[in-house]
């Protein structure tokens, strides 16, 4: 027992414990950090090419080191997913100073977008581009139904119950999501662009994100069983149609009957 106690009091014991603790913390960090996989997968040439593209097209607003300026936020820590979404949907580069970035024709190739995303991913840990298995829609009716429930619970208050979009405050709006790819729907939930909240994998799992994207695709391709969809904007457009067409027809009939009576 005395020999065991002596070993426990060895002067290097505290150093060994500290090294073990650092090893455990470092290992846990490397496992839990989402962007390490995408950053490791990118080659040095791709990262350098992405940096050159960034300096030529993005640094005026975001700074030479992506640190942010008065014209644009910092990109340190936003991850590859944010770059892939913003540039891949044409929202960036920003065409004009406005309350919200508009989606427009994409200005870069898929390779260039991947290179810029790889460069930004090296600046600091951040959300990675989703794996290929979650970049497509599922045609499983049960998963589409589950996606419908998740969307109505978490997203419909801004984007409309079928993802047709809607108006927000201060000149902003929730865009139409029916024609958005599964990858970009996933990335939007992961990064929270504009006024949108972030739904990380702890809130909504990758499978559930794919379910939501699949429901939106289904809602955009399924024909309207009631006839004209009127933009799928709900009672506002339907009520307007009733007032303009229905009440207008009744007024027309009243005028016609009055003219015949006279």
C-alpha atoms as a PDB file:
ATOM      1  CA  UNK A   1       0.000   0.000   0.000  1.00  0.00           C
ATOM      2  CA  UNK A   2       2.879   2.377   0.812  1.00  0.00           C
ATOM      3  CA  UNK A   3       4.426   1.751  -2.645  1.00  0.00           C
ATOM      4  CA  UNK A   4       1.057   2.457  -4.329  1.00  0.00           C
ATOM      5  CA  UNK A   5       0.614   5.652  -2.335  1.00  0.00           C
ATOM      6  CA  UNK A   6       4.109   6.764  -3.272  1.00  0.00           C
ATOM      7  CA  UNK A   7       3.390   6.280  -6.966  1.00  0.00           C
ATOM      8  CA  UNK A   8       0.201   8.318  -6.635  1.00  0.00           C
ATOM      9  CA  UNK A   9       2.210  11.202  -5.218  1.00  0.00           C
ATOM     10  CA  UNK A  10       4.727  11.164  -8.053  1.00  0.00           C
ATOM     11  CA  UNK A  11       5.591  14.721  -9.175  1.00  0.00           C
ATOM     12  CA  UNK A  12       4.679  13.954 -12.767  1.00  0.00           C
ATOM     13  CA  UNK A  13       1.235  12.608 -11.853  1.00  0.00           C
ATOM     14  CA  UNK A  14      -0.466  15.978 -12.290  1.00  0.00           C
ATOM     15  CA  UNK A  15       1.177  16.477 -15.676  1.00  0.00           C
ATOM     16  CA  UNK A  16       0.019  13.067 -16.853  1.00  0.00           C
ATOM     17  CA  UNK A  17      -3.541  13.770 -15.719  1.00  0.00           C
ATOM     18  CA  UNK A  18      -3.503  17.136 -17.493  1.00  0.00           C
ATOM     19  CA  UNK A  19      -2.238  15.566 -20.732  1.00  0.00           C
ATOM     20  CA  UNK A  20      -4.948  12.880 -20.563  1.00  0.00           C
ATOM     21  CA  UNK A  21      -7.599  15.546 -20.005  1.00  0.00           C
ATOM     22  CA  UNK A  22      -6.366  17.560 -22.992  1.00  0.00           C
ATOM     23  CA  UNK A  23      -6.360  14.416 -25.131  1.00  0.00           C
ATOM     24  CA  UNK A  24      -9.967  13.620 -24.186  1.00  0.00           C
ATOM     25  CA  UNK A  25     -11.147  17.203 -24.806  1.00  0.00           C
ATOM     26  CA  UNK A  26      -9.308  17.413 -28.127  1.00  0.00           C
ATOM     27  CA  UNK A  27     -10.713  14.090 -29.276  1.00  0.00           C
ATOM     28  CA  UNK A  28     -14.267  15.075 -28.335  1.00  0.00           C
ATOM     29  CA  UNK A  29     -13.870  18.418 -30.143  1.00  0.00           C
ATOM     30  CA  UNK A  30     -12.635  16.749 -33.313  1.00  0.00           C
ATOM     31  CA  UNK A  31     -15.596  14.362 -33.287  1.00  0.00           C
ATOM     32  CA  UNK A  32     -18.302  16.916 -32.530  1.00  0.00           C
ATOM     33  CA  UNK A  33     -17.095  19.747 -34.788  1.00  0.00           C
ATOM     34  CA  UNK A  34     -19.347  19.601 -37.907  1.00  0.00           C
ATOM     35  CA  UNK A  35     -17.061  21.294 -40.404  1.00  0.00           C
ATOM     36  CA  UNK A  36     -13.929  19.222 -39.960  1.00  0.00           C
ATOM     37  CA  UNK A  37     -15.019  16.568 -42.442  1.00  0.00           C
ATOM     38  CA  UNK A  38     -15.693  19.004 -45.267  1.00  0.00           C
ATOM     39  CA  UNK A  39     -12.513  20.949 -44.581  1.00  0.00           C
ATOM     40  CA  UNK A  40     -10.427  17.777 -44.576  1.00  0.00           C
ATOM     41  CA  UNK A  41     -12.033  16.557 -47.806  1.00  0.00           C
ATOM     42  CA  UNK A  42     -11.043  19.718 -49.695  1.00  0.00           C
ATOM     43  CA  UNK A  43      -7.599  19.801 -51.257  1.00  0.00           C
ATOM     44  CA  UNK A  44      -5.091  22.571 -50.670  1.00  0.00           C
ATOM     45  CA  UNK A  45      -5.528  23.659 -54.293  1.00  0.00           C
ATOM     46  CA  UNK A  46      -9.299  23.983 -53.855  1.00  0.00           C
ATOM     47  CA  UNK A  47      -8.897  26.027 -50.692  1.00  0.00           C
ATOM     48  CA  UNK A  48      -6.394  28.344 -52.384  1.00  0.00           C
ATOM     49  CA  UNK A  49      -8.664  28.718 -55.420  1.00  0.00           C
ATOM     50  CA  UNK A  50     -11.557  29.480 -53.096  1.00  0.00           C
ATOM     51  CA  UNK A  51      -9.521  32.134 -51.335  1.00  0.00           C
ATOM     52  CA  UNK A  52      -8.699  33.805 -54.659  1.00  0.00           C
ATOM     53  CA  UNK A  53     -12.369  33.780 -55.651  1.00  0.00           C
ATOM     54  CA  UNK A  54     -13.294  35.206 -52.266  1.00  0.00           C
ATOM     55  CA  UNK A  55     -10.762  38.021 -52.533  1.00  0.00           C
ATOM     56  CA  UNK A  56     -11.946  38.917 -56.041  1.00  0.00           C
ATOM     57  CA  UNK A  57     -15.699  38.765 -55.416  1.00  0.00           C
ATOM     58  CA  UNK A  58     -16.506  38.948 -51.688  1.00  0.00           C
ATOM     59  CA  UNK A  59     -13.761  40.809 -49.828  1.00  0.00           C
ATOM     60  CA  UNK A  60     -15.139  44.277 -50.660  1.00  0.00           C
ATOM     61  CA  UNK A  61     -18.045  43.656 -48.278  1.00  0.00           C
ATOM     62  CA  UNK A  62     -16.775  40.909 -45.969  1.00  0.00           C
ATOM     63  CA  UNK A  63     -13.153  42.060 -45.578  1.00  0.00           C
ATOM     64  CA  UNK A  64      -9.861  40.640 -46.814  1.00  0.00           C
ATOM     65  CA  UNK A  65      -9.796  38.147 -43.919  1.00  0.00           C
ATOM     66  CA  UNK A  66     -13.593  37.580 -43.948  1.00  0.00           C
ATOM     67  CA  UNK A  67     -13.674  39.481 -40.667  1.00  0.00           C
ATOM     68  CA  UNK A  68     -16.662  41.565 -41.739  1.00  0.00           C
ATOM     69  CA  UNK A  69     -17.058  45.284 -42.463  1.00  0.00           C
ATOM     70  CA  UNK A  70     -19.783  47.894 -42.222  1.00  0.00           C
ATOM     71  CA  UNK A  71     -21.101  46.555 -45.537  1.00  0.00           C
ATOM     72  CA  UNK A  72     -21.186  42.839 -44.695  1.00  0.00           C
ATOM     73  CA  UNK A  73     -21.033  40.475 -41.707  1.00  0.00           C
ATOM     74  CA  UNK A  74     -18.100  38.309 -40.734  1.00  0.00           C
ATOM     75  CA  UNK A  75     -17.922  34.894 -42.367  1.00  0.00           C
ATOM     76  CA  UNK A  76     -15.677  33.385 -39.716  1.00  0.00           C
ATOM     77  CA  UNK A  77     -17.552  30.418 -38.299  1.00  0.00           C
ATOM     78  CA  UNK A  78     -20.489  30.417 -40.738  1.00  0.00           C
ATOM     79  CA  UNK A  79     -19.258  27.157 -42.282  1.00  0.00           C
ATOM     80  CA  UNK A  80     -19.328  25.720 -45.781  1.00  0.00           C
ATOM     81  CA  UNK A  81     -23.105  25.197 -45.687  1.00  0.00           C
ATOM     82  CA  UNK A  82     -23.806  28.927 -45.431  1.00  0.00           C
ATOM     83  CA  UNK A  83     -21.562  29.730 -48.406  1.00  0.00           C
ATOM     84  CA  UNK A  84     -23.045  26.927 -50.484  1.00  0.00           C
ATOM     85  CA  UNK A  85     -26.573  28.158 -49.759  1.00  0.00           C
ATOM     86  CA  UNK A  86     -25.995  31.885 -50.224  1.00  0.00           C
ATOM     87  CA  UNK A  87     -23.882  31.602 -53.375  1.00  0.00           C
ATOM     88  CA  UNK A  88     -25.624  28.492 -54.721  1.00  0.00           C
ATOM     89  CA  UNK A  89     -29.033  30.214 -54.701  1.00  0.00           C
ATOM     90  CA  UNK A  90     -27.683  33.424 -56.251  1.00  0.00           C
ATOM     91  CA  UNK A  91     -28.294  35.527 -53.150  1.00  0.00           C
ATOM     92  CA  UNK A  92     -24.598  36.316 -53.032  1.00  0.00           C
ATOM     93  CA  UNK A  93     -22.880  38.371 -54.291  1.00  0.00           C
ATOM     94  CA  UNK A  94     -25.495  40.898 -53.184  1.00  0.00           C
ATOM     95  CA  UNK A  95     -26.826  42.908 -56.124  1.00  0.00           C
ATOM     96  CA  UNK A  96     -28.004  45.928 -54.095  1.00  0.00           C
ATOM     97  CA  UNK A  97     -28.333  47.156 -50.540  1.00  0.00           C
ATOM     98  CA  UNK A  98     -31.818  46.055 -49.543  1.00  0.00           C
ATOM     99  CA  UNK A  99     -33.596  44.625 -46.484  1.00  0.00           C
ATOM    100  CA  UNK A 100     -33.204  41.064 -47.770  1.00  0.00           C
ATOM    101  CA  UNK A 101     -31.024  39.292 -50.315  1.00  0.00           C
ATOM    102  CA  UNK A 102     -32.993  38.109 -53.331  1.00  0.00           C
ATOM    103  CA  UNK A 103     -32.403  34.806 -55.059  1.00  0.00           C
ATOM    104  CA  UNK A 104     -31.254  35.369 -58.636  1.00  0.00           C
ATOM    105  CA  UNK A 105     -29.310  33.501 -61.345  1.00  0.00           C
ATOM    106  CA  UNK A 106     -26.202  31.857 -59.908  1.00  0.00           C
ATOM    107  CA  UNK A 107     -22.986  33.608 -60.965  1.00  0.00           C
ATOM    108  CA  UNK A 108     -20.503  30.812 -60.232  1.00  0.00           C
ATOM    109  CA  UNK A 109     -20.061  27.194 -61.267  1.00  0.00           C
ATOM    110  CA  UNK A 110     -20.583  24.318 -58.836  1.00  0.00           C
ATOM    111  CA  UNK A 111     -16.818  23.843 -58.617  1.00  0.00           C
ATOM    112  CA  UNK A 112     -16.215  27.505 -57.790  1.00  0.00           C
ATOM    113  CA  UNK A 113     -18.937  27.462 -55.131  1.00  0.00           C
ATOM    114  CA  UNK A 114     -17.402  24.347 -53.577  1.00  0.00           C
ATOM    115  CA  UNK A 115     -13.977  26.019 -53.558  1.00  0.00           C
ATOM    116  CA  UNK A 116     -15.245  29.160 -51.835  1.00  0.00           C
ATOM    117  CA  UNK A 117     -17.121  27.025 -49.306  1.00  0.00           C
ATOM    118  CA  UNK A 118     -13.966  25.014 -48.652  1.00  0.00           C
ATOM    119  CA  UNK A 119     -11.976  28.196 -48.022  1.00  0.00           C
ATOM    120  CA  UNK A 120     -14.513  29.659 -45.581  1.00  0.00           C
ATOM    121  CA  UNK A 121     -14.703  26.299 -43.778  1.00  0.00           C
ATOM    122  CA  UNK A 122     -10.986  26.583 -42.969  1.00  0.00           C
ATOM    123  CA  UNK A 123     -11.435  29.898 -41.145  1.00  0.00           C
ATOM    124  CA  UNK A 124     -13.292  28.430 -38.153  1.00  0.00           C
ATOM    125  CA  UNK A 125     -15.594  25.492 -37.330  1.00  0.00           C
ATOM    126  CA  UNK A 126     -19.102  25.823 -38.748  1.00  0.00           C
ATOM    127  CA  UNK A 127     -21.973  23.836 -40.325  1.00  0.00           C
ATOM    128  CA  UNK A 128     -20.821  21.591 -43.163  1.00  0.00           C
ATOM    129  CA  UNK A 129     -22.568  20.891 -46.468  1.00  0.00           C
ATOM    130  CA  UNK A 130     -24.980  17.980 -45.891  1.00  0.00           C
ATOM    131  CA  UNK A 131     -23.945  14.494 -47.022  1.00  0.00           C
ATOM    132  CA  UNK A 132     -25.138  13.387 -50.461  1.00  0.00           C
ATOM    133  CA  UNK A 133     -27.700  11.009 -48.954  1.00  0.00           C
ATOM    134  CA  UNK A 134     -29.649  14.035 -47.669  1.00  0.00           C
ATOM    135  CA  UNK A 135     -29.357  16.114 -50.853  1.00  0.00           C
ATOM    136  CA  UNK A 136     -32.273  14.391 -52.605  1.00  0.00           C
ATOM    137  CA  UNK A 137     -36.006  14.015 -52.016  1.00  0.00           C
ATOM    138  CA  UNK A 138     -37.671  10.878 -50.721  1.00  0.00           C
ATOM    139  CA  UNK A 139     -40.879   9.520 -52.242  1.00  0.00           C
ATOM    140  CA  UNK A 140     -41.890   7.590 -49.105  1.00  0.00           C
ATOM    141  CA  UNK A 141     -45.492   8.700 -48.306  1.00  0.00           C
ATOM    142  CA  UNK A 142     -44.979   8.231 -44.561  1.00  0.00           C
ATOM    143  CA  UNK A 143     -41.884  10.428 -44.518  1.00  0.00           C
ATOM    144  CA  UNK A 144     -43.615  13.071 -46.664  1.00  0.00           C
ATOM    145  CA  UNK A 145     -46.516  13.069 -44.203  1.00  0.00           C
ATOM    146  CA  UNK A 146     -44.081  13.460 -41.314  1.00  0.00           C
ATOM    147  CA  UNK A 147     -42.392  16.309 -43.177  1.00  0.00           C
ATOM    148  CA  UNK A 148     -45.798  17.972 -43.503  1.00  0.00           C
ATOM    149  CA  UNK A 149     -46.299  17.822 -39.729  1.00  0.00           C
ATOM    150  CA  UNK A 150     -42.804  19.148 -39.012  1.00  0.00           C
ATOM    151  CA  UNK A 151     -43.182  21.963 -41.516  1.00  0.00           C
ATOM    152  CA  UNK A 152     -46.566  23.060 -40.152  1.00  0.00           C
ATOM    153  CA  UNK A 153     -45.160  23.044 -36.619  1.00  0.00           C
ATOM    154  CA  UNK A 154     -41.896  24.895 -37.278  1.00  0.00           C
ATOM    155  CA  UNK A 155     -42.143  26.807 -40.562  1.00  0.00           C
ATOM    156  CA  UNK A 156     -45.721  27.443 -41.720  1.00  0.00           C
ATOM    157  CA  UNK A 157     -46.176  30.615 -39.657  1.00  0.00           C
ATOM    158  CA  UNK A 158     -43.782  32.405 -42.041  1.00  0.00           C
ATOM    159  CA  UNK A 159     -43.650  30.316 -45.214  1.00  0.00           C
ATOM    160  CA  UNK A 160     -47.367  29.418 -45.499  1.00  0.00           C
ATOM    161  CA  UNK A 161     -48.691  25.906 -44.880  1.00  0.00           C
ATOM    162  CA  UNK A 162     -47.618  24.702 -48.347  1.00  0.00           C
ATOM    163  CA  UNK A 163     -44.375  26.706 -48.502  1.00  0.00           C
ATOM    164  CA  UNK A 164     -45.741  29.366 -50.855  1.00  0.00           C
ATOM    165  CA  UNK A 165     -44.083  32.146 -48.861  1.00  0.00           C
ATOM    166  CA  UNK A 166     -45.394  35.240 -47.143  1.00  0.00           C
ATOM    167  CA  UNK A 167     -44.664  38.788 -46.035  1.00  0.00           C
ATOM    168  CA  UNK A 168     -42.620  39.659 -42.945  1.00  0.00           C
ATOM    169  CA  UNK A 169     -41.860  42.969 -41.246  1.00  0.00           C
ATOM    170  CA  UNK A 170     -39.573  45.821 -42.388  1.00  0.00           C
ATOM    171  CA  UNK A 171     -39.616  44.953 -46.063  1.00  0.00           C
ATOM    172  CA  UNK A 172     -38.570  41.319 -45.587  1.00  0.00           C
ATOM    173  CA  UNK A 173     -40.375  38.210 -46.774  1.00  0.00           C
ATOM    174  CA  UNK A 174     -40.398  34.449 -46.393  1.00  0.00           C
ATOM    175  CA  UNK A 175     -39.601  33.048 -49.875  1.00  0.00           C
ATOM    176  CA  UNK A 176     -41.470  30.382 -51.791  1.00  0.00           C
ATOM    177  CA  UNK A 177     -39.880  27.004 -51.020  1.00  0.00           C
ATOM    178  CA  UNK A 178     -41.675  24.710 -53.449  1.00  0.00           C
ATOM    179  CA  UNK A 179     -38.960  24.807 -56.126  1.00  0.00           C
ATOM    180  CA  UNK A 180     -35.951  24.773 -53.769  1.00  0.00           C
ATOM    181  CA  UNK A 181     -33.591  21.792 -53.895  1.00  0.00           C
ATOM    182  CA  UNK A 182     -33.367  19.404 -50.953  1.00  0.00           C
ATOM    183  CA  UNK A 183     -29.768  20.457 -50.293  1.00  0.00           C
ATOM    184  CA  UNK A 184     -30.597  24.137 -50.069  1.00  0.00           C
ATOM    185  CA  UNK A 185     -33.631  23.518 -47.839  1.00  0.00           C
ATOM    186  CA  UNK A 186     -31.379  21.495 -45.533  1.00  0.00           C
ATOM    187  CA  UNK A 187     -28.688  24.208 -45.527  1.00  0.00           C
ATOM    188  CA  UNK A 188     -31.210  26.970 -44.827  1.00  0.00           C
ATOM    189  CA  UNK A 189     -32.452  25.128 -41.752  1.00  0.00           C
ATOM    190  CA  UNK A 190     -28.874  24.464 -40.673  1.00  0.00           C
ATOM    191  CA  UNK A 191     -27.596  28.041 -41.052  1.00  0.00           C
ATOM    192  CA  UNK A 192     -30.649  30.273 -40.570  1.00  0.00           C
ATOM    193  CA  UNK A 193     -30.247  32.874 -43.349  1.00  0.00           C
ATOM    194  CA  UNK A 194     -31.810  36.338 -43.059  1.00  0.00           C
ATOM    195  CA  UNK A 195     -34.630  36.303 -40.443  1.00  0.00           C
ATOM    196  CA  UNK A 196     -34.880  32.519 -40.328  1.00  0.00           C
ATOM    197  CA  UNK A 197     -34.012  30.726 -37.058  1.00  0.00           C
ATOM    198  CA  UNK A 198     -31.408  27.961 -36.947  1.00  0.00           C
ATOM    199  CA  UNK A 199     -32.605  24.352 -36.735  1.00  0.00           C
ATOM    200  CA  UNK A 200     -29.515  22.324 -35.950  1.00  0.00           C
ATOM    201  CA  UNK A 201     -29.442  18.537 -35.894  1.00  0.00           C
ATOM    202  CA  UNK A 202     -30.358  18.527 -32.207  1.00  0.00           C
ATOM    203  CA  UNK A 203     -33.639  20.336 -33.008  1.00  0.00           C
ATOM    204  CA  UNK A 204     -34.489  18.633 -36.306  1.00  0.00           C
ATOM    205  CA  UNK A 205     -32.514  15.548 -37.328  1.00  0.00           C
ATOM    206  CA  UNK A 206     -30.983  15.197 -40.828  1.00  0.00           C
ATOM    207  CA  UNK A 207     -33.680  12.669 -41.754  1.00  0.00           C
ATOM    208  CA  UNK A 208     -36.405  15.071 -40.626  1.00  0.00           C
ATOM    209  CA  UNK A 209     -34.845  17.893 -42.653  1.00  0.00           C
ATOM    210  CA  UNK A 210     -35.012  15.625 -45.693  1.00  0.00           C
ATOM    211  CA  UNK A 211     -38.647  14.832 -44.843  1.00  0.00           C
ATOM    212  CA  UNK A 212     -39.505  18.551 -44.789  1.00  0.00           C
ATOM    213  CA  UNK A 213     -37.754  19.138 -48.129  1.00  0.00           C
ATOM    214  CA  UNK A 214     -39.619  16.178 -49.622  1.00  0.00           C
ATOM    215  CA  UNK A 215     -42.953  17.547 -48.417  1.00  0.00           C
ATOM    216  CA  UNK A 216     -42.225  20.926 -50.008  1.00  0.00           C
ATOM    217  CA  UNK A 217     -41.329  19.217 -53.284  1.00  0.00           C
ATOM    218  CA  UNK A 218     -44.553  17.220 -53.103  1.00  0.00           C
ATOM    219  CA  UNK A 219     -46.598  20.365 -52.367  1.00  0.00           C
ATOM    220  CA  UNK A 220     -45.069  22.111 -55.362  1.00  0.00           C
ATOM    221  CA  UNK A 221     -45.648  19.287 -57.849  1.00  0.00           C
ATOM    222  CA  UNK A 222     -49.022  17.935 -56.664  1.00  0.00           C
ATOM    223  CA  UNK A 223     -51.995  19.334 -58.642  1.00  0.00           C
ATOM    224  CA  UNK A 224     -54.584  21.367 -56.727  1.00  0.00           C
ATOM    225  CA  UNK A 225     -57.645  19.126 -56.082  1.00  0.00           C
ATOM    226  CA  UNK A 226     -59.895  22.174 -55.632  1.00  0.00           C
ATOM    227  CA  UNK A 227     -59.152  23.769 -58.994  1.00  0.00           C
ATOM    228  CA  UNK A 228     -57.311  27.079 -59.166  1.00  0.00           C
ATOM    229  CA  UNK A 229     -54.753  27.322 -56.362  1.00  0.00           C
ATOM    230  CA  UNK A 230     -54.853  31.169 -56.356  1.00  0.00           C
ATOM    231  CA  UNK A 231     -51.219  31.178 -55.343  1.00  0.00           C
ATOM    232  CA  UNK A 232     -51.851  28.852 -52.377  1.00  0.00           C
ATOM    233  CA  UNK A 233     -51.939  31.925 -50.147  1.00  0.00           C
ATOM    234  CA  UNK A 234     -54.973  30.859 -48.136  1.00  0.00           C
ATOM    235  CA  UNK A 235     -58.030  32.915 -47.186  1.00  0.00           C
ATOM    236  CA  UNK A 236     -56.601  36.264 -48.341  1.00  0.00           C
ATOM    237  CA  UNK A 237     -56.495  35.424 -52.027  1.00  0.00           C
ATOM    238  CA  UNK A 238     -59.639  33.297 -51.772  1.00  0.00           C
ATOM    239  CA  UNK A 239     -61.576  36.103 -50.062  1.00  0.00           C
ATOM    240  CA  UNK A 240     -60.336  38.625 -52.619  1.00  0.00           C
ATOM    241  CA  UNK A 241     -61.527  36.374 -55.436  1.00  0.00           C
ATOM    242  CA  UNK A 242     -64.970  36.062 -53.812  1.00  0.00           C
ATOM    243  CA  UNK A 243     -65.290  39.819 -53.369  1.00  0.00           C
ATOM    244  CA  UNK A 244     -64.068  40.745 -56.841  1.00  0.00           C
ATOM    245  CA  UNK A 245     -65.630  37.932 -58.874  1.00  0.00           C
ATOM    246  CA  UNK A 246     -68.599  36.876 -56.751  1.00  0.00           C
ATOM    247  CA  UNK A 247     -69.816  40.244 -55.537  1.00  0.00           C
ATOM    248  CA  UNK A 248     -68.999  41.736 -58.948  1.00  0.00           C
ATOM    249  CA  UNK A 249     -71.203  39.130 -60.627  1.00  0.00           C
ATOM    250  CA  UNK A 250     -74.070  39.867 -58.219  1.00  0.00           C
ATOM    251  CA  UNK A 251     -73.793  43.608 -58.880  1.00  0.00           C
ATOM    252  CA  UNK A 252     -73.794  42.910 -62.613  1.00  0.00           C
ATOM    253  CA  UNK A 253     -76.943  40.800 -62.278  1.00  0.00           C
ATOM    254  CA  UNK A 254     -78.664  43.524 -60.247  1.00  0.00           C
ATOM    255  CA  UNK A 255     -77.840  46.152 -62.870  1.00  0.00           C
ATOM    256  CA  UNK A 256     -79.065  43.854 -65.656  1.00  0.00           C
ATOM    257  CA  UNK A 257     -82.357  43.142 -63.846  1.00  0.00           C
ATOM    258  CA  UNK A 258     -82.857  46.840 -63.147  1.00  0.00           C
ATOM    259  CA  UNK A 259     -82.238  47.705 -66.779  1.00  0.00           C
ATOM    260  CA  UNK A 260     -84.772  45.116 -67.977  1.00  0.00           C
ATOM    261  CA  UNK A 261     -87.384  46.303 -65.465  1.00  0.00           C
ATOM    262  CA  UNK A 262     -87.104  49.879 -66.672  1.00  0.00           C
END
